[in-house]
Protein backbone atom coordinates (compact mmCIF):
# COMPACT_ATOMS: atom_id res chain seq x y z
CA MET A 1 16.71 17.87 -10.95
CA PRO A 2 19.49 18.00 -11.32
CA THR A 3 20.01 15.47 -7.89
CA THR A 4 17.60 12.87 -9.26
CA ALA A 5 19.15 12.77 -12.71
CA ASP A 6 20.60 9.69 -12.32
CA SER A 7 19.62 8.26 -8.91
CA PRO A 8 15.96 7.81 -7.23
CA LYS A 9 14.99 11.26 -4.64
CA CYS A 10 14.95 9.12 -1.90
CA PHE A 11 18.77 8.65 -2.40
CA ALA A 12 19.35 12.71 -2.14
CA GLU A 13 21.70 13.69 0.73
CA VAL A 14 20.90 15.90 3.18
CA GLN A 15 23.39 16.70 5.91
CA GLY A 16 25.05 13.64 4.19
CA LYS A 17 22.28 11.46 5.11
CA ARG A 18 20.04 9.90 2.48
CA LEU A 19 16.61 11.00 2.62
CA LEU A 20 15.66 7.45 2.92
CA ASP A 21 18.30 7.17 5.75
CA TRP A 22 16.87 9.81 7.37
CA ASN A 23 13.30 7.92 7.67
CA LEU A 24 14.61 4.64 8.38
CA GLN A 25 16.61 6.12 11.48
CA ALA A 26 13.39 7.73 12.68
CA MET A 27 11.25 4.31 11.93
CA THR A 28 13.39 1.82 13.72
CA ALA A 29 13.56 4.07 16.90
CA CYS A 30 10.03 3.56 16.74
CA GLY A 31 10.51 -0.18 16.42
CA LEU A 32 9.39 -0.31 13.24
CA THR A 33 11.94 -2.22 11.13
CA ASP A 34 9.88 -4.50 9.37
CA ILE A 35 10.51 -2.43 5.79
CA CYS A 36 8.27 -2.52 2.63
CA PHE A 37 9.64 -0.24 -0.49
CA ILE A 38 7.65 0.75 -3.10
CA GLY A 39 9.13 2.05 -6.14
CA GLY A 40 9.39 2.53 -9.99
CA TYR A 41 12.02 4.88 -11.03
CA GLN A 42 15.67 3.98 -10.43
CA ILE A 43 14.70 1.24 -7.90
CA ASP A 44 17.16 -1.75 -8.96
CA LYS A 45 19.84 1.10 -7.12
CA VAL A 46 17.20 1.05 -3.58
CA ARG A 47 17.57 -2.83 -4.10
CA GLY A 48 20.95 -3.24 -4.21
CA ASP A 49 21.82 -1.17 -1.74
CA TYR A 50 19.10 -2.44 0.85
CA PRO A 51 18.37 -6.08 0.51
CA GLN A 52 16.82 -6.09 3.97
CA PHE A 53 14.00 -4.65 2.41
CA THR A 54 10.34 -6.00 0.73
CA PHE A 55 10.23 -4.86 -2.33
CA ARG A 56 6.83 -4.22 -4.01
CA HIS A 57 7.51 -2.81 -7.74
CA ASN A 58 5.39 -0.41 -9.36
CA ALA A 59 6.14 -0.86 -13.22
CA ALA A 60 3.42 1.81 -13.87
CA TRP A 61 4.75 4.49 -11.94
CA GLU A 62 4.95 6.82 -15.45
CA THR A 63 1.39 6.66 -15.45
CA ASN A 64 -0.27 6.45 -12.12
CA ASN A 65 0.20 7.96 -8.77
CA ILE A 66 1.31 8.03 -5.30
CA LEU A 67 -2.44 5.87 -4.28
CA ALA A 68 -2.17 3.49 -6.66
CA SER A 69 1.86 3.12 -5.77
CA LEU A 70 0.95 2.15 -2.35
CA MET A 71 -1.75 -0.39 -2.86
CA TYR A 72 1.24 -2.64 -4.59
CA ALA A 73 1.55 -3.69 -1.23
CA GLU A 74 -2.03 -4.83 -0.49
CA ASP A 75 -1.21 -7.88 0.15
CA LEU A 76 1.27 -7.20 3.41
CA MET A 77 -1.75 -4.89 4.77
CA THR A 78 -3.27 -7.82 6.87
CA GLU A 79 -1.19 -6.27 9.92
CA PRO A 80 -0.63 -2.86 11.64
CA PHE A 81 1.34 -0.42 9.14
CA VAL A 82 2.89 3.23 8.99
CA CYS A 83 3.39 4.29 5.26
CA CYS A 84 5.11 7.64 4.68
CA TYR A 85 6.05 9.14 1.39
CA ALA A 86 10.18 8.68 0.33
CA ASP A 87 10.99 12.39 -0.34
CA ILE A 88 10.33 13.77 3.17
CA LEU A 89 12.38 14.26 6.43
CA PHE A 90 10.82 13.73 9.71
CA THR A 91 11.96 12.55 13.46
CA GLU A 92 11.20 9.81 15.74
CA ASP A 93 8.71 12.30 18.17
CA VAL A 94 6.25 12.57 14.53
CA VAL A 95 6.14 8.89 14.44
CA ARG A 96 5.53 8.59 18.02
CA ARG A 97 3.16 10.34 18.40
CA LEU A 98 1.18 8.86 15.73
CA LEU A 99 1.53 5.04 17.61
CA ALA A 100 0.31 6.56 20.40
CA ASN A 101 -2.89 7.39 18.70
CA PRO A 102 -5.39 4.36 19.25
CA THR A 103 -7.51 5.02 15.92
CA PRO A 104 -7.78 2.98 13.54
CA ILE A 105 -6.55 5.54 11.09
CA ALA A 106 -4.61 8.44 12.15
CA LEU A 107 -2.71 10.51 9.61
CA SER A 108 0.31 13.05 11.59
CA ILE A 109 -0.39 16.24 10.68
CA ASP A 110 2.63 19.51 11.05
CA ILE A 111 0.68 22.71 12.74
CA ARG A 112 3.35 24.78 12.42
CA TRP A 113 3.75 24.12 8.22
CA LEU A 114 3.66 27.74 7.65
CA GLU A 115 6.81 28.35 9.31
CA ARG A 116 8.40 25.91 7.13
CA TYR A 117 6.54 28.06 4.02
CA ARG A 118 8.43 31.40 4.67
CA HIS A 119 10.86 30.01 2.10
CA ARG A 120 9.36 28.12 -0.63
CA THR A 121 8.69 30.27 -3.25
CA GLN A 122 8.38 27.48 -5.56
CA HIS A 123 6.25 25.65 -3.36
CA PRO A 124 3.15 27.79 -1.94
CA PRO A 125 1.23 27.19 0.30
CA ASN A 126 -1.71 26.79 -2.26
CA ASP A 127 -0.43 23.30 -2.87
CA ALA A 128 -0.17 21.69 0.68
CA GLU A 129 -2.16 19.13 1.27
CA LYS A 130 -4.00 20.66 4.28
CA VAL A 131 -6.45 19.49 6.55
CA THR A 132 -9.15 21.31 9.08
CA ALA A 133 -10.18 19.35 11.92
CA GLN A 134 -12.92 19.09 14.78
CA ASN A 135 -12.87 17.06 17.88
CA GLY A 136 -10.00 15.22 16.91
CA ARG A 137 -11.20 14.05 13.34
CA ILE A 138 -9.97 15.35 10.39
CA THR A 139 -12.80 17.01 8.57
CA ARG A 140 -11.40 17.81 5.34
CA ILE A 141 -7.76 16.96 3.47
CA HIS A 142 -7.79 19.33 0.31
CA ARG A 143 -5.01 21.32 -1.51
CA GLU A 144 -8.09 24.55 -1.98
CA ILE A 145 -8.20 25.48 1.54
CA ASP A 146 -7.85 28.35 3.08
CA PRO A 147 -4.26 28.38 4.97
CA ALA A 148 -6.44 30.69 7.39
CA SER A 149 -8.72 27.91 8.11
CA ALA A 150 -6.01 24.90 8.07
CA HIS A 151 -5.44 23.01 10.65
CA GLY A 152 -1.95 21.89 9.53
CA GLU A 153 -0.31 20.21 6.67
CA TYR A 154 -0.48 16.18 6.15
CA THR A 155 3.00 15.06 6.52
CA GLY A 156 2.30 12.03 3.98
CA ILE A 157 3.14 9.82 7.23
CA ALA A 158 -0.40 7.84 8.15
CA LYS A 159 -0.79 4.87 10.55
CA PHE A 160 -3.37 1.95 10.27
CA THR A 161 -4.35 -0.63 13.09
CA ALA A 162 -5.77 -4.07 11.24
CA ALA A 163 -9.00 -2.71 10.90
CA GLY A 164 -7.65 0.58 9.59
CA ALA A 165 -6.28 -1.25 7.30
CA THR A 166 -9.34 -2.86 5.98
CA LEU A 167 -11.09 -0.08 5.71
CA LEU A 168 -8.47 1.39 3.02
CA LYS A 169 -8.67 -1.63 1.15
CA ASP A 170 -12.34 -2.08 1.25
CA HIS A 171 -12.78 1.95 -0.32
CA TYR A 172 -10.02 1.40 -2.67
CA HIS A 173 -11.72 -1.05 -4.38
CA ARG A 174 -14.65 0.42 -4.17
CA CYS A 175 -13.98 3.99 -5.57
CA ARG A 176 -11.35 1.32 -8.10
CA THR A 177 -14.80 -0.17 -9.14
CA SER A 178 -16.58 2.75 -9.95
CA PHE A 179 -13.72 4.91 -11.14
CA ALA A 180 -11.52 3.05 -13.17
CA GLY A 181 -10.41 4.72 -16.25
CA LYS A 182 -12.72 7.75 -15.17
CA PRO A 183 -12.07 11.25 -13.47
CA PHE A 184 -12.07 10.52 -9.70
CA ARG A 185 -12.00 14.09 -7.79
CA GLU A 186 -9.52 16.23 -8.82
CA ALA A 187 -7.76 13.81 -10.47
CA PRO A 188 -8.34 13.36 -13.78
CA VAL A 189 -8.51 9.33 -13.82
CA PHE A 190 -8.63 7.28 -10.58
CA GLU A 191 -5.14 6.18 -11.48
CA LYS A 192 -3.68 9.64 -11.00
CA ALA A 193 -5.55 9.94 -7.85
CA TYR A 194 -3.18 10.88 -4.95
CA LEU A 195 -3.93 9.45 -1.72
CA ILE A 196 -5.48 12.14 -0.30
CA HIS A 197 -8.39 11.78 -2.73
CA LEU A 198 -9.18 8.31 -1.16
CA PHE A 199 -8.64 9.87 2.04
CA GLN A 200 -11.64 12.50 1.46
CA GLU A 201 -13.37 9.94 -0.06
CA MET A 202 -13.36 8.24 2.94
CA ILE A 203 -14.46 11.34 5.81
CA GLU A 204 -17.35 11.40 3.18
CA ALA A 205 -18.52 8.19 3.84
CA GLY A 206 -18.51 8.94 7.78
CA VAL A 207 -14.93 6.81 8.08
CA PRO A 208 -13.15 8.40 11.17
CA LEU A 209 -9.31 10.02 10.61
CA ALA A 210 -7.96 10.96 13.90
CA HIS A 211 -4.95 13.57 13.68
CA ALA A 212 -1.31 13.09 15.69
CA ASP A 213 -0.47 16.59 15.47
CA THR A 214 3.58 17.84 15.48
CA PRO A 215 4.71 20.95 15.82
CA GLY A 216 7.19 20.63 12.82
CA ASN A 217 10.17 18.12 13.16
CA TYR A 218 9.15 17.99 9.39
CA MET A 219 10.45 18.97 5.91
CA GLU A 220 8.77 17.84 2.42
CA VAL A 221 11.62 17.84 -0.20
CA ASP A 222 9.74 18.60 -3.67
CA THR A 223 11.81 20.90 -5.77
CA GLN A 224 15.31 22.00 -5.66
CA GLN A 225 14.55 24.77 -3.79
CA ASP A 226 13.30 22.39 -1.20
CA PHE A 227 16.53 20.40 -1.21
CA GLU A 228 18.85 23.55 -0.63
CA LEU A 229 16.48 24.30 2.33
CA ALA A 230 17.24 20.87 3.91
CA GLN A 231 20.81 21.56 3.48
CA ARG A 232 20.50 24.42 5.47
CA PHE A 233 17.62 24.21 8.11
CA TRP A 234 16.95 20.79 8.83
CA GLN A 235 19.19 20.05 12.03
CA VAL A 236 17.86 22.76 14.01
CA GLY A 237 14.14 21.88 12.54
CA VAL A 238 13.00 24.79 10.61
């Protein structure tokens, strides 16, 4: 607020272009043109302006979270796909690095993440979705990782092959069966879980998650301060 008072956050304009349009530019430059938009708040405005999208409506958006929202598109996860948050900025280079990784599941990781946090007083480093990694695999993904020990920050962009998508769905349903309506990792109930909670569950179950590193070329727009920083710094890649 106040930027999102009467429109979805992805409609906020940075450098004269919506967040959503920046994302589309990066995706389509890499040949990703079959877009599914999952939304709840103000989704009809997105439907009206982007009729070319496939839509999945998360009607329970006020009571669930990112993981549950992603799985509204489970029926489309029979082919390889890339998913991303809608309140971020990234370049096509980030996507190309991710697509070049041949593993079933790969996460985009910003290894210059701390440079952005110099300005983010409203979103401190201890709230970042940080990862540790070894030998090309992510060993942990958690907000409480010591920044000094972190390999980088998860950008919110992930790639799945068809086999990777099957792993995602299988572990989601395993966890939902066991934890529906109950606490799940750091979430008060499974329905409120973040995607990183399932990723960590999968890591502990032995599923290899690779990382595709980017030296910047990414910004998160989580607060009004982030929005103002993006207006100042995005085009120069800070």
